[in-house]
Amino acid sequence: GPESGETLHTQFDDIDDYDNYSTT
């Protein structure tokens, strides 16, 4: 999942940051 401070998907820097990511 996202690390501390990565609240927006534009801040994600690795694959597993997208774990449990939801958007419309």
PDBML (XML) file of the C-alpha atoms, coordinates in Angstrom:
<?xml version="1.0" encoding="UTF-8" ?>
<PDBx:datablock datablockName="MODEL"
   xmlns:PDBx="http://pdbml.pdb.org/schema/pdbx-v50.xsd"
   xmlns:xsi="http://www.w3.org/2001/XMLSchema-instance"
   xsi:schemaLocation="http://pdbml.pdb.org/schema/pdbx-v50.xsd pdbx-v50.xsd">
   <PDBx:atom_siteCategory>
      <PDBx:atom_site id="1">
         <PDBx:B_iso_or_equiv>0.00</PDBx:B_iso_or_equiv>
         <PDBx:Cartn_x>0.000</PDBx:Cartn_x>
         <PDBx:Cartn_y>0.000</PDBx:Cartn_y>
         <PDBx:Cartn_z>0.000</PDBx:Cartn_z>
         <PDBx:auth_asym_id>A</PDBx:auth_asym_id>
         <PDBx:auth_atom_id>CA</PDBx:auth_atom_id>
         <PDBx:auth_comp_id>GLY</PDBx:auth_comp_id>
         <PDBx:auth_seq_id>1</PDBx:auth_seq_id>
         <PDBx:group_PDB>ATOM</PDBx:group_PDB>
         <PDBx:label_alt_id xsi:nil="true" />
         <PDBx:label_asym_id>A</PDBx:label_asym_id>
         <PDBx:label_atom_id>CA</PDBx:label_atom_id>
         <PDBx:label_comp_id>GLY</PDBx:label_comp_id>
         <PDBx:label_entity_id>1</PDBx:label_entity_id>
         <PDBx:label_seq_id>1</PDBx:label_seq_id>
         <PDBx:occupancy>1.00</PDBx:occupancy>
         <PDBx:pdbx_PDB_model_num>1</PDBx:pdbx_PDB_model_num>
         <PDBx:type_symbol>C</PDBx:type_symbol>
      </PDBx:atom_site>
      <PDBx:atom_site id="2">
         <PDBx:B_iso_or_equiv>0.00</PDBx:B_iso_or_equiv>
         <PDBx:Cartn_x>1.061</PDBx:Cartn_x>
         <PDBx:Cartn_y>3.637</PDBx:Cartn_y>
         <PDBx:Cartn_z>-0.073</PDBx:Cartn_z>
         <PDBx:auth_asym_id>A</PDBx:auth_asym_id>
         <PDBx:auth_atom_id>CA</PDBx:auth_atom_id>
         <PDBx:auth_comp_id>PRO</PDBx:auth_comp_id>
         <PDBx:auth_seq_id>2</PDBx:auth_seq_id>
         <PDBx:group_PDB>ATOM</PDBx:group_PDB>
         <PDBx:label_alt_id xsi:nil="true" />
         <PDBx:label_asym_id>A</PDBx:label_asym_id>
         <PDBx:label_atom_id>CA</PDBx:label_atom_id>
         <PDBx:label_comp_id>PRO</PDBx:label_comp_id>
         <PDBx:label_entity_id>1</PDBx:label_entity_id>
         <PDBx:label_seq_id>2</PDBx:label_seq_id>
         <PDBx:occupancy>1.00</PDBx:occupancy>
         <PDBx:pdbx_PDB_model_num>1</PDBx:pdbx_PDB_model_num>
         <PDBx:type_symbol>C</PDBx:type_symbol>
      </PDBx:atom_site>
      <PDBx:atom_site id="3">
         <PDBx:B_iso_or_equiv>0.00</PDBx:B_iso_or_equiv>
         <PDBx:Cartn_x>3.813</PDBx:Cartn_x>
         <PDBx:Cartn_y>4.792</PDBx:Cartn_y>
         <PDBx:Cartn_z>2.223</PDBx:Cartn_z>
         <PDBx:auth_asym_id>A</PDBx:auth_asym_id>
         <PDBx:auth_atom_id>CA</PDBx:auth_atom_id>
         <PDBx:auth_comp_id>GLU</PDBx:auth_comp_id>
         <PDBx:auth_seq_id>3</PDBx:auth_seq_id>
         <PDBx:group_PDB>ATOM</PDBx:group_PDB>
         <PDBx:label_alt_id xsi:nil="true" />
         <PDBx:label_asym_id>A</PDBx:label_asym_id>
         <PDBx:label_atom_id>CA</PDBx:label_atom_id>
         <PDBx:label_comp_id>GLU</PDBx:label_comp_id>
         <PDBx:label_entity_id>1</PDBx:label_entity_id>
         <PDBx:label_seq_id>3</PDBx:label_seq_id>
         <PDBx:occupancy>1.00</PDBx:occupancy>
         <PDBx:pdbx_PDB_model_num>1</PDBx:pdbx_PDB_model_num>
         <PDBx:type_symbol>C</PDBx:type_symbol>
      </PDBx:atom_site>
      <PDBx:atom_site id="4">
         <PDBx:B_iso_or_equiv>0.00</PDBx:B_iso_or_equiv>
         <PDBx:Cartn_x>3.407</PDBx:Cartn_x>
         <PDBx:Cartn_y>7.652</PDBx:Cartn_y>
         <PDBx:Cartn_z>4.667</PDBx:Cartn_z>
         <PDBx:auth_asym_id>A</PDBx:auth_asym_id>
         <PDBx:auth_atom_id>CA</PDBx:auth_atom_id>
         <PDBx:auth_comp_id>SER</PDBx:auth_comp_id>
         <PDBx:auth_seq_id>4</PDBx:auth_seq_id>
         <PDBx:group_PDB>ATOM</PDBx:group_PDB>
         <PDBx:label_alt_id xsi:nil="true" />
         <PDBx:label_asym_id>A</PDBx:label_asym_id>
         <PDBx:label_atom_id>CA</PDBx:label_atom_id>
         <PDBx:label_comp_id>SER</PDBx:label_comp_id>
         <PDBx:label_entity_id>1</PDBx:label_entity_id>
         <PDBx:label_seq_id>4</PDBx:label_seq_id>
         <PDBx:occupancy>1.00</PDBx:occupancy>
         <PDBx:pdbx_PDB_model_num>1</PDBx:pdbx_PDB_model_num>
         <PDBx:type_symbol>C</PDBx:type_symbol>
      </PDBx:atom_site>
      <PDBx:atom_site id="5">
         <PDBx:B_iso_or_equiv>0.00</PDBx:B_iso_or_equiv>
         <PDBx:Cartn_x>2.767</PDBx:Cartn_x>
         <PDBx:Cartn_y>10.929</PDBx:Cartn_y>
         <PDBx:Cartn_z>2.831</PDBx:Cartn_z>
         <PDBx:auth_asym_id>A</PDBx:auth_asym_id>
         <PDBx:auth_atom_id>CA</PDBx:auth_atom_id>
         <PDBx:auth_comp_id>GLY</PDBx:auth_comp_id>
         <PDBx:auth_seq_id>5</PDBx:auth_seq_id>
         <PDBx:group_PDB>ATOM</PDBx:group_PDB>
         <PDBx:label_alt_id xsi:nil="true" />
         <PDBx:label_asym_id>A</PDBx:label_asym_id>
         <PDBx:label_atom_id>CA</PDBx:label_atom_id>
         <PDBx:label_comp_id>GLY</PDBx:label_comp_id>
         <PDBx:label_entity_id>1</PDBx:label_entity_id>
         <PDBx:label_seq_id>5</PDBx:label_seq_id>
         <PDBx:occupancy>1.00</PDBx:occupancy>
         <PDBx:pdbx_PDB_model_num>1</PDBx:pdbx_PDB_model_num>
         <PDBx:type_symbol>C</PDBx:type_symbol>
      </PDBx:atom_site>
      <PDBx:atom_site id="6">
         <PDBx:B_iso_or_equiv>0.00</PDBx:B_iso_or_equiv>
         <PDBx:Cartn_x>1.526</PDBx:Cartn_x>
         <PDBx:Cartn_y>9.264</PDBx:Cartn_y>
         <PDBx:Cartn_z>-0.368</PDBx:Cartn_z>
         <PDBx:auth_asym_id>A</PDBx:auth_asym_id>
         <PDBx:auth_atom_id>CA</PDBx:auth_atom_id>
         <PDBx:auth_comp_id>GLU</PDBx:auth_comp_id>
         <PDBx:auth_seq_id>6</PDBx:auth_seq_id>
         <PDBx:group_PDB>ATOM</PDBx:group_PDB>
         <PDBx:label_alt_id xsi:nil="true" />
         <PDBx:label_asym_id>A</PDBx:label_asym_id>
         <PDBx:label_atom_id>CA</PDBx:label_atom_id>
         <PDBx:label_comp_id>GLU</PDBx:label_comp_id>
         <PDBx:label_entity_id>1</PDBx:label_entity_id>
         <PDBx:label_seq_id>6</PDBx:label_seq_id>
         <PDBx:occupancy>1.00</PDBx:occupancy>
         <PDBx:pdbx_PDB_model_num>1</PDBx:pdbx_PDB_model_num>
         <PDBx:type_symbol>C</PDBx:type_symbol>
      </PDBx:atom_site>
      <PDBx:atom_site id="7">
         <PDBx:B_iso_or_equiv>0.00</PDBx:B_iso_or_equiv>
         <PDBx:Cartn_x>-2.115</PDBx:Cartn_x>
         <PDBx:Cartn_y>10.289</PDBx:Cartn_y>
         <PDBx:Cartn_z>-0.305</PDBx:Cartn_z>
         <PDBx:auth_asym_id>A</PDBx:auth_asym_id>
         <PDBx:auth_atom_id>CA</PDBx:auth_atom_id>
         <PDBx:auth_comp_id>THR</PDBx:auth_comp_id>
         <PDBx:auth_seq_id>7</PDBx:auth_seq_id>
         <PDBx:group_PDB>ATOM</PDBx:group_PDB>
         <PDBx:label_alt_id xsi:nil="true" />
         <PDBx:label_asym_id>A</PDBx:label_asym_id>
         <PDBx:label_atom_id>CA</PDBx:label_atom_id>
         <PDBx:label_comp_id>THR</PDBx:label_comp_id>
         <PDBx:label_entity_id>1</PDBx:label_entity_id>
         <PDBx:label_seq_id>7</PDBx:label_seq_id>
         <PDBx:occupancy>1.00</PDBx:occupancy>
         <PDBx:pdbx_PDB_model_num>1</PDBx:pdbx_PDB_model_num>
         <PDBx:type_symbol>C</PDBx:type_symbol>
      </PDBx:atom_site>
      <PDBx:atom_site id="8">
         <PDBx:B_iso_or_equiv>0.00</PDBx:B_iso_or_equiv>
         <PDBx:Cartn_x>-2.675</PDBx:Cartn_x>
         <PDBx:Cartn_y>10.974</PDBx:Cartn_y>
         <PDBx:Cartn_z>-4.026</PDBx:Cartn_z>
         <PDBx:auth_asym_id>A</PDBx:auth_asym_id>
         <PDBx:auth_atom_id>CA</PDBx:auth_atom_id>
         <PDBx:auth_comp_id>LEU</PDBx:auth_comp_id>
         <PDBx:auth_seq_id>8</PDBx:auth_seq_id>
         <PDBx:group_PDB>ATOM</PDBx:group_PDB>
         <PDBx:label_alt_id xsi:nil="true" />
         <PDBx:label_asym_id>A</PDBx:label_asym_id>
         <PDBx:label_atom_id>CA</PDBx:label_atom_id>
         <PDBx:label_comp_id>LEU</PDBx:label_comp_id>
         <PDBx:label_entity_id>1</PDBx:label_entity_id>
         <PDBx:label_seq_id>8</PDBx:label_seq_id>
         <PDBx:occupancy>1.00</PDBx:occupancy>
         <PDBx:pdbx_PDB_model_num>1</PDBx:pdbx_PDB_model_num>
         <PDBx:type_symbol>C</PDBx:type_symbol>
      </PDBx:atom_site>
      <PDBx:atom_site id="9">
         <PDBx:B_iso_or_equiv>0.00</PDBx:B_iso_or_equiv>
         <PDBx:Cartn_x>-2.036</PDBx:Cartn_x>
         <PDBx:Cartn_y>8.498</PDBx:Cartn_y>
         <PDBx:Cartn_z>-6.816</PDBx:Cartn_z>
         <PDBx:auth_asym_id>A</PDBx:auth_asym_id>
         <PDBx:auth_atom_id>CA</PDBx:auth_atom_id>
         <PDBx:auth_comp_id>HIS</PDBx:auth_comp_id>
         <PDBx:auth_seq_id>9</PDBx:auth_seq_id>
         <PDBx:group_PDB>ATOM</PDBx:group_PDB>
         <PDBx:label_alt_id xsi:nil="true" />
         <PDBx:label_asym_id>A</PDBx:label_asym_id>
         <PDBx:label_atom_id>CA</PDBx:label_atom_id>
         <PDBx:label_comp_id>HIS</PDBx:label_comp_id>
         <PDBx:label_entity_id>1</PDBx:label_entity_id>
         <PDBx:label_seq_id>9</PDBx:label_seq_id>
         <PDBx:occupancy>1.00</PDBx:occupancy>
         <PDBx:pdbx_PDB_model_num>1</PDBx:pdbx_PDB_model_num>
         <PDBx:type_symbol>C</PDBx:type_symbol>
      </PDBx:atom_site>
      <PDBx:atom_site id="10">
         <PDBx:B_iso_or_equiv>0.00</PDBx:B_iso_or_equiv>
         <PDBx:Cartn_x>0.234</PDBx:Cartn_x>
         <PDBx:Cartn_y>11.081</PDBx:Cartn_y>
         <PDBx:Cartn_z>-8.462</PDBx:Cartn_z>
         <PDBx:auth_asym_id>A</PDBx:auth_asym_id>
         <PDBx:auth_atom_id>CA</PDBx:auth_atom_id>
         <PDBx:auth_comp_id>THR</PDBx:auth_comp_id>
         <PDBx:auth_seq_id>10</PDBx:auth_seq_id>
         <PDBx:group_PDB>ATOM</PDBx:group_PDB>
         <PDBx:label_alt_id xsi:nil="true" />
         <PDBx:label_asym_id>A</PDBx:label_asym_id>
         <PDBx:label_atom_id>CA</PDBx:label_atom_id>
         <PDBx:label_comp_id>THR</PDBx:label_comp_id>
         <PDBx:label_entity_id>1</PDBx:label_entity_id>
         <PDBx:label_seq_id>10</PDBx:label_seq_id>
         <PDBx:occupancy>1.00</PDBx:occupancy>
         <PDBx:pdbx_PDB_model_num>1</PDBx:pdbx_PDB_model_num>
         <PDBx:type_symbol>C</PDBx:type_symbol>
      </PDBx:atom_site>
      <PDBx:atom_site id="11">
         <PDBx:B_iso_or_equiv>0.00</PDBx:B_iso_or_equiv>
         <PDBx:Cartn_x>2.554</PDBx:Cartn_x>
         <PDBx:Cartn_y>10.636</PDBx:Cartn_y>
         <PDBx:Cartn_z>-5.458</PDBx:Cartn_z>
         <PDBx:auth_asym_id>A</PDBx:auth_asym_id>
         <PDBx:auth_atom_id>CA</PDBx:auth_atom_id>
         <PDBx:auth_comp_id>GLN</PDBx:auth_comp_id>
         <PDBx:auth_seq_id>11</PDBx:auth_seq_id>
         <PDBx:group_PDB>ATOM</PDBx:group_PDB>
         <PDBx:label_alt_id xsi:nil="true" />
         <PDBx:label_asym_id>A</PDBx:label_asym_id>
         <PDBx:label_atom_id>CA</PDBx:label_atom_id>
         <PDBx:label_comp_id>GLN</PDBx:label_comp_id>
         <PDBx:label_entity_id>1</PDBx:label_entity_id>
         <PDBx:label_seq_id>11</PDBx:label_seq_id>
         <PDBx:occupancy>1.00</PDBx:occupancy>
         <PDBx:pdbx_PDB_model_num>1</PDBx:pdbx_PDB_model_num>
         <PDBx:type_symbol>C</PDBx:type_symbol>
      </PDBx:atom_site>
      <PDBx:atom_site id="12">
         <PDBx:B_iso_or_equiv>0.00</PDBx:B_iso_or_equiv>
         <PDBx:Cartn_x>2.766</PDBx:Cartn_x>
         <PDBx:Cartn_y>6.840</PDBx:Cartn_y>
         <PDBx:Cartn_z>-5.807</PDBx:Cartn_z>
         <PDBx:auth_asym_id>A</PDBx:auth_asym_id>
         <PDBx:auth_atom_id>CA</PDBx:auth_atom_id>
         <PDBx:auth_comp_id>PHE</PDBx:auth_comp_id>
         <PDBx:auth_seq_id>12</PDBx:auth_seq_id>
         <PDBx:group_PDB>ATOM</PDBx:group_PDB>
         <PDBx:label_alt_id xsi:nil="true" />
         <PDBx:label_asym_id>A</PDBx:label_asym_id>
         <PDBx:label_atom_id>CA</PDBx:label_atom_id>
         <PDBx:label_comp_id>PHE</PDBx:label_comp_id>
         <PDBx:label_entity_id>1</PDBx:label_entity_id>
         <PDBx:label_seq_id>12</PDBx:label_seq_id>
         <PDBx:occupancy>1.00</PDBx:occupancy>
         <PDBx:pdbx_PDB_model_num>1</PDBx:pdbx_PDB_model_num>
         <PDBx:type_symbol>C</PDBx:type_symbol>
      </PDBx:atom_site>
      <PDBx:atom_site id="13">
         <PDBx:B_iso_or_equiv>0.00</PDBx:B_iso_or_equiv>
         <PDBx:Cartn_x>6.289</PDBx:Cartn_x>
         <PDBx:Cartn_y>5.737</PDBx:Cartn_y>
         <PDBx:Cartn_z>-6.712</PDBx:Cartn_z>
         <PDBx:auth_asym_id>A</PDBx:auth_asym_id>
         <PDBx:auth_atom_id>CA</PDBx:auth_atom_id>
         <PDBx:auth_comp_id>ASP</PDBx:auth_comp_id>
         <PDBx:auth_seq_id>13</PDBx:auth_seq_id>
         <PDBx:group_PDB>ATOM</PDBx:group_PDB>
         <PDBx:label_alt_id xsi:nil="true" />
         <PDBx:label_asym_id>A</PDBx:label_asym_id>
         <PDBx:label_atom_id>CA</PDBx:label_atom_id>
         <PDBx:label_comp_id>ASP</PDBx:label_comp_id>
         <PDBx:label_entity_id>1</PDBx:label_entity_id>
         <PDBx:label_seq_id>13</PDBx:label_seq_id>
         <PDBx:occupancy>1.00</PDBx:occupancy>
         <PDBx:pdbx_PDB_model_num>1</PDBx:pdbx_PDB_model_num>
         <PDBx:type_symbol>C</PDBx:type_symbol>
      </PDBx:atom_site>
      <PDBx:atom_site id="14">
         <PDBx:B_iso_or_equiv>0.00</PDBx:B_iso_or_equiv>
         <PDBx:Cartn_x>6.039</PDBx:Cartn_x>
         <PDBx:Cartn_y>1.936</PDBx:Cartn_y>
         <PDBx:Cartn_z>-6.718</PDBx:Cartn_z>
         <PDBx:auth_asym_id>A</PDBx:auth_asym_id>
         <PDBx:auth_atom_id>CA</PDBx:auth_atom_id>
         <PDBx:auth_comp_id>ASP</PDBx:auth_comp_id>
         <PDBx:auth_seq_id>14</PDBx:auth_seq_id>
         <PDBx:group_PDB>ATOM</PDBx:group_PDB>
         <PDBx:label_alt_id xsi:nil="true" />
         <PDBx:label_asym_id>A</PDBx:label_asym_id>
         <PDBx:label_atom_id>CA</PDBx:label_atom_id>
         <PDBx:label_comp_id>ASP</PDBx:label_comp_id>
         <PDBx:label_entity_id>1</PDBx:label_entity_id>
         <PDBx:label_seq_id>14</PDBx:label_seq_id>
         <PDBx:occupancy>1.00</PDBx:occupancy>
         <PDBx:pdbx_PDB_model_num>1</PDBx:pdbx_PDB_model_num>
         <PDBx:type_symbol>C</PDBx:type_symbol>
      </PDBx:atom_site>
      <PDBx:atom_site id="15">
         <PDBx:B_iso_or_equiv>0.00</PDBx:B_iso_or_equiv>
         <PDBx:Cartn_x>3.568</PDBx:Cartn_x>
         <PDBx:Cartn_y>-0.747</PDBx:Cartn_y>
         <PDBx:Cartn_z>-7.753</PDBx:Cartn_z>
         <PDBx:auth_asym_id>A</PDBx:auth_asym_id>
         <PDBx:auth_atom_id>CA</PDBx:auth_atom_id>
         <PDBx:auth_comp_id>ILE</PDBx:auth_comp_id>
         <PDBx:auth_seq_id>15</PDBx:auth_seq_id>
         <PDBx:group_PDB>ATOM</PDBx:group_PDB>
         <PDBx:label_alt_id xsi:nil="true" />
         <PDBx:label_asym_id>A</PDBx:label_asym_id>
         <PDBx:label_atom_id>CA</PDBx:label_atom_id>
         <PDBx:label_comp_id>ILE</PDBx:label_comp_id>
         <PDBx:label_entity_id>1</PDBx:label_entity_id>
         <PDBx:label_seq_id>15</PDBx:label_seq_id>
         <PDBx:occupancy>1.00</PDBx:occupancy>
         <PDBx:pdbx_PDB_model_num>1</PDBx:pdbx_PDB_model_num>
         <PDBx:type_symbol>C</PDBx:type_symbol>
      </PDBx:atom_site>
      <PDBx:atom_site id="16">
         <PDBx:B_iso_or_equiv>0.00</PDBx:B_iso_or_equiv>
         <PDBx:Cartn_x>2.259</PDBx:Cartn_x>
         <PDBx:Cartn_y>-1.786</PDBx:Cartn_y>
         <PDBx:Cartn_z>-4.355</PDBx:Cartn_z>
         <PDBx:auth_asym_id>A</PDBx:auth_asym_id>
         <PDBx:auth_atom_id>CA</PDBx:auth_atom_id>
         <PDBx:auth_comp_id>ASP</PDBx:auth_comp_id>
         <PDBx:auth_seq_id>16</PDBx:auth_seq_id>
         <PDBx:group_PDB>ATOM</PDBx:group_PDB>
         <PDBx:label_alt_id xsi:nil="true" />
         <PDBx:label_asym_id>A</PDBx:label_asym_id>
         <PDBx:label_atom_id>CA</PDBx:label_atom_id>
         <PDBx:label_comp_id>ASP</PDBx:label_comp_id>
         <PDBx:label_entity_id>1</PDBx:label_entity_id>
         <PDBx:label_seq_id>16</PDBx:label_seq_id>
         <PDBx:occupancy>1.00</PDBx:occupancy>
         <PDBx:pdbx_PDB_model_num>1</PDBx:pdbx_PDB_model_num>
         <PDBx:type_symbol>C</PDBx:type_symbol>
      </PDBx:atom_site>
      <PDBx:atom_site id="17">
         <PDBx:B_iso_or_equiv>0.00</PDBx:B_iso_or_equiv>
         <PDBx:Cartn_x>1.236</PDBx:Cartn_x>
         <PDBx:Cartn_y>1.806</PDBx:Cartn_y>
         <PDBx:Cartn_z>-3.534</PDBx:Cartn_z>
         <PDBx:auth_asym_id>A</PDBx:auth_asym_id>
         <PDBx:auth_atom_id>CA</PDBx:auth_atom_id>
         <PDBx:auth_comp_id>ASP</PDBx:auth_comp_id>
         <PDBx:auth_seq_id>17</PDBx:auth_seq_id>
         <PDBx:group_PDB>ATOM</PDBx:group_PDB>
         <PDBx:label_alt_id xsi:nil="true" />
         <PDBx:label_asym_id>A</PDBx:label_asym_id>
         <PDBx:label_atom_id>CA</PDBx:label_atom_id>
         <PDBx:label_comp_id>ASP</PDBx:label_comp_id>
         <PDBx:label_entity_id>1</PDBx:label_entity_id>
         <PDBx:label_seq_id>17</PDBx:label_seq_id>
         <PDBx:occupancy>1.00</PDBx:occupancy>
         <PDBx:pdbx_PDB_model_num>1</PDBx:pdbx_PDB_model_num>
         <PDBx:type_symbol>C</PDBx:type_symbol>
      </PDBx:atom_site>
      <PDBx:atom_site id="18">
         <PDBx:B_iso_or_equiv>0.00</PDBx:B_iso_or_equiv>
         <PDBx:Cartn_x>-1.833</PDBx:Cartn_x>
         <PDBx:Cartn_y>1.025</PDBx:Cartn_y>
         <PDBx:Cartn_z>-5.650</PDBx:Cartn_z>
         <PDBx:auth_asym_id>A</PDBx:auth_asym_id>
         <PDBx:auth_atom_id>CA</PDBx:auth_atom_id>
         <PDBx:auth_comp_id>TYR</PDBx:auth_comp_id>
         <PDBx:auth_seq_id>18</PDBx:auth_seq_id>
         <PDBx:group_PDB>ATOM</PDBx:group_PDB>
         <PDBx:label_alt_id xsi:nil="true" />
         <PDBx:label_asym_id>A</PDBx:label_asym_id>
         <PDBx:label_atom_id>CA</PDBx:label_atom_id>
         <PDBx:label_comp_id>TYR</PDBx:label_comp_id>
         <PDBx:label_entity_id>1</PDBx:label_entity_id>
         <PDBx:label_seq_id>18</PDBx:label_seq_id>
         <PDBx:occupancy>1.00</PDBx:occupancy>
         <PDBx:pdbx_PDB_model_num>1</PDBx:pdbx_PDB_model_num>
         <PDBx:type_symbol>C</PDBx:type_symbol>
      </PDBx:atom_site>
      <PDBx:atom_site id="19">
         <PDBx:B_iso_or_equiv>0.00</PDBx:B_iso_or_equiv>
         <PDBx:Cartn_x>-3.015</PDBx:Cartn_x>
         <PDBx:Cartn_y>-1.690</PDBx:Cartn_y>
         <PDBx:Cartn_z>-3.249</PDBx:Cartn_z>
         <PDBx:auth_asym_id>A</PDBx:auth_asym_id>
         <PDBx:auth_atom_id>CA</PDBx:auth_atom_id>
         <PDBx:auth_comp_id>ASP</PDBx:auth_comp_id>
         <PDBx:auth_seq_id>19</PDBx:auth_seq_id>
         <PDBx:group_PDB>ATOM</PDBx:group_PDB>
         <PDBx:label_alt_id xsi:nil="true" />
         <PDBx:label_asym_id>A</PDBx:label_asym_id>
         <PDBx:label_atom_id>CA</PDBx:label_atom_id>
         <PDBx:label_comp_id>ASP</PDBx:label_comp_id>
         <PDBx:label_entity_id>1</PDBx:label_entity_id>
         <PDBx:label_seq_id>19</PDBx:label_seq_id>
         <PDBx:occupancy>1.00</PDBx:occupancy>
         <PDBx:pdbx_PDB_model_num>1</PDBx:pdbx_PDB_model_num>
         <PDBx:type_symbol>C</PDBx:type_symbol>
      </PDBx:atom_site>
      <PDBx:atom_site id="20">
         <PDBx:B_iso_or_equiv>0.00</PDBx:B_iso_or_equiv>
         <PDBx:Cartn_x>-6.620</PDBx:Cartn_x>
         <PDBx:Cartn_y>-0.833</PDBx:Cartn_y>
         <PDBx:Cartn_z>-2.253</PDBx:Cartn_z>
         <PDBx:auth_asym_id>A</PDBx:auth_asym_id>
         <PDBx:auth_atom_id>CA</PDBx:auth_atom_id>
         <PDBx:auth_comp_id>ASN</PDBx:auth_comp_id>
         <PDBx:auth_seq_id>20</PDBx:auth_seq_id>
         <PDBx:group_PDB>ATOM</PDBx:group_PDB>
         <PDBx:label_alt_id xsi:nil="true" />
         <PDBx:label_asym_id>A</PDBx:label_asym_id>
         <PDBx:label_atom_id>CA</PDBx:label_atom_id>
         <PDBx:label_comp_id>ASN</PDBx:label_comp_id>
         <PDBx:label_entity_id>1</PDBx:label_entity_id>
         <PDBx:label_seq_id>20</PDBx:label_seq_id>
         <PDBx:occupancy>1.00</PDBx:occupancy>
         <PDBx:pdbx_PDB_model_num>1</PDBx:pdbx_PDB_model_num>
         <PDBx:type_symbol>C</PDBx:type_symbol>
      </PDBx:atom_site>
      <PDBx:atom_site id="21">
         <PDBx:B_iso_or_equiv>0.00</PDBx:B_iso_or_equiv>
         <PDBx:Cartn_x>-6.615</PDBx:Cartn_x>
         <PDBx:Cartn_y>2.260</PDBx:Cartn_y>
         <PDBx:Cartn_z>-4.472</PDBx:Cartn_z>
         <PDBx:auth_asym_id>A</PDBx:auth_asym_id>
         <PDBx:auth_atom_id>CA</PDBx:auth_atom_id>
         <PDBx:auth_comp_id>TYR</PDBx:auth_comp_id>
         <PDBx:auth_seq_id>21</PDBx:auth_seq_id>
         <PDBx:group_PDB>ATOM</PDBx:group_PDB>
         <PDBx:label_alt_id xsi:nil="true" />
         <PDBx:label_asym_id>A</PDBx:label_asym_id>
         <PDBx:label_atom_id>CA</PDBx:label_atom_id>
         <PDBx:label_comp_id>TYR</PDBx:label_comp_id>
         <PDBx:label_entity_id>1</PDBx:label_entity_id>
         <PDBx:label_seq_id>21</PDBx:label_seq_id>
         <PDBx:occupancy>1.00</PDBx:occupancy>
         <PDBx:pdbx_PDB_model_num>1</PDBx:pdbx_PDB_model_num>
         <PDBx:type_symbol>C</PDBx:type_symbol>
      </PDBx:atom_site>
      <PDBx:atom_site id="22">
         <PDBx:B_iso_or_equiv>0.00</PDBx:B_iso_or_equiv>
         <PDBx:Cartn_x>-10.080</PDBx:Cartn_x>
         <PDBx:Cartn_y>3.366</PDBx:Cartn_y>
         <PDBx:Cartn_z>-5.609</PDBx:Cartn_z>
         <PDBx:auth_asym_id>A</PDBx:auth_asym_id>
         <PDBx:auth_atom_id>CA</PDBx:auth_atom_id>
         <PDBx:auth_comp_id>SER</PDBx:auth_comp_id>
         <PDBx:auth_seq_id>22</PDBx:auth_seq_id>
         <PDBx:group_PDB>ATOM</PDBx:group_PDB>
         <PDBx:label_alt_id xsi:nil="true" />
         <PDBx:label_asym_id>A</PDBx:label_asym_id>
         <PDBx:label_atom_id>CA</PDBx:label_atom_id>
         <PDBx:label_comp_id>SER</PDBx:label_comp_id>
         <PDBx:label_entity_id>1</PDBx:label_entity_id>
         <PDBx:label_seq_id>22</PDBx:label_seq_id>
         <PDBx:occupancy>1.00</PDBx:occupancy>
         <PDBx:pdbx_PDB_model_num>1</PDBx:pdbx_PDB_model_num>
         <PDBx:type_symbol>C</PDBx:type_symbol>
      </PDBx:atom_site>
      <PDBx:atom_site id="23">
         <PDBx:B_iso_or_equiv>0.00</PDBx:B_iso_or_equiv>
         <PDBx:Cartn_x>-11.158</PDBx:Cartn_x>
         <PDBx:Cartn_y>6.114</PDBx:Cartn_y>
         <PDBx:Cartn_z>-7.965</PDBx:Cartn_z>
         <PDBx:auth_asym_id>A</PDBx:auth_asym_id>
         <PDBx:auth_atom_id>CA</PDBx:auth_atom_id>
         <PDBx:auth_comp_id>THR</PDBx:auth_comp_id>
         <PDBx:auth_seq_id>23</PDBx:auth_seq_id>
         <PDBx:group_PDB>ATOM</PDBx:group_PDB>
         <PDBx:label_alt_id xsi:nil="true" />
         <PDBx:label_asym_id>A</PDBx:label_asym_id>
         <PDBx:label_atom_id>CA</PDBx:label_atom_id>
         <PDBx:label_comp_id>THR</PDBx:label_comp_id>
         <PDBx:label_entity_id>1</PDBx:label_entity_id>
         <PDBx:label_seq_id>23</PDBx:label_seq_id>
         <PDBx:occupancy>1.00</PDBx:occupancy>
         <PDBx:pdbx_PDB_model_num>1</PDBx:pdbx_PDB_model_num>
         <PDBx:type_symbol>C</PDBx:type_symbol>
      </PDBx:atom_site>
      <PDBx:atom_site id="24">
         <PDBx:B_iso_or_equiv>0.00</PDBx:B_iso_or_equiv>
         <PDBx:Cartn_x>-14.023</PDBx:Cartn_x>
         <PDBx:Cartn_y>7.097</PDBx:Cartn_y>
         <PDBx:Cartn_z>-10.237</PDBx:Cartn_z>
         <PDBx:auth_asym_id>A</PDBx:auth_asym_id>
         <PDBx:auth_atom_id>CA</PDBx:auth_atom_id>
         <PDBx:auth_comp_id>THR</PDBx:auth_comp_id>
         <PDBx:auth_seq_id>24</PDBx:auth_seq_id>
         <PDBx:group_PDB>ATOM</PDBx:group_PDB>
         <PDBx:label_alt_id xsi:nil="true" />
         <PDBx:label_asym_id>A</PDBx:label_asym_id>
         <PDBx:label_atom_id>CA</PDBx:label_atom_id>
         <PDBx:label_comp_id>THR</PDBx:label_comp_id>
         <PDBx:label_entity_id>1</PDBx:label_entity_id>
         <PDBx:label_seq_id>24</PDBx:label_seq_id>
         <PDBx:occupancy>1.00</PDBx:occupancy>
         <PDBx:pdbx_PDB_model_num>1</PDBx:pdbx_PDB_model_num>
         <PDBx:type_symbol>C</PDBx:type_symbol>
      </PDBx:atom_site>
   </PDBx:atom_siteCategory>
</PDBx:datablock>
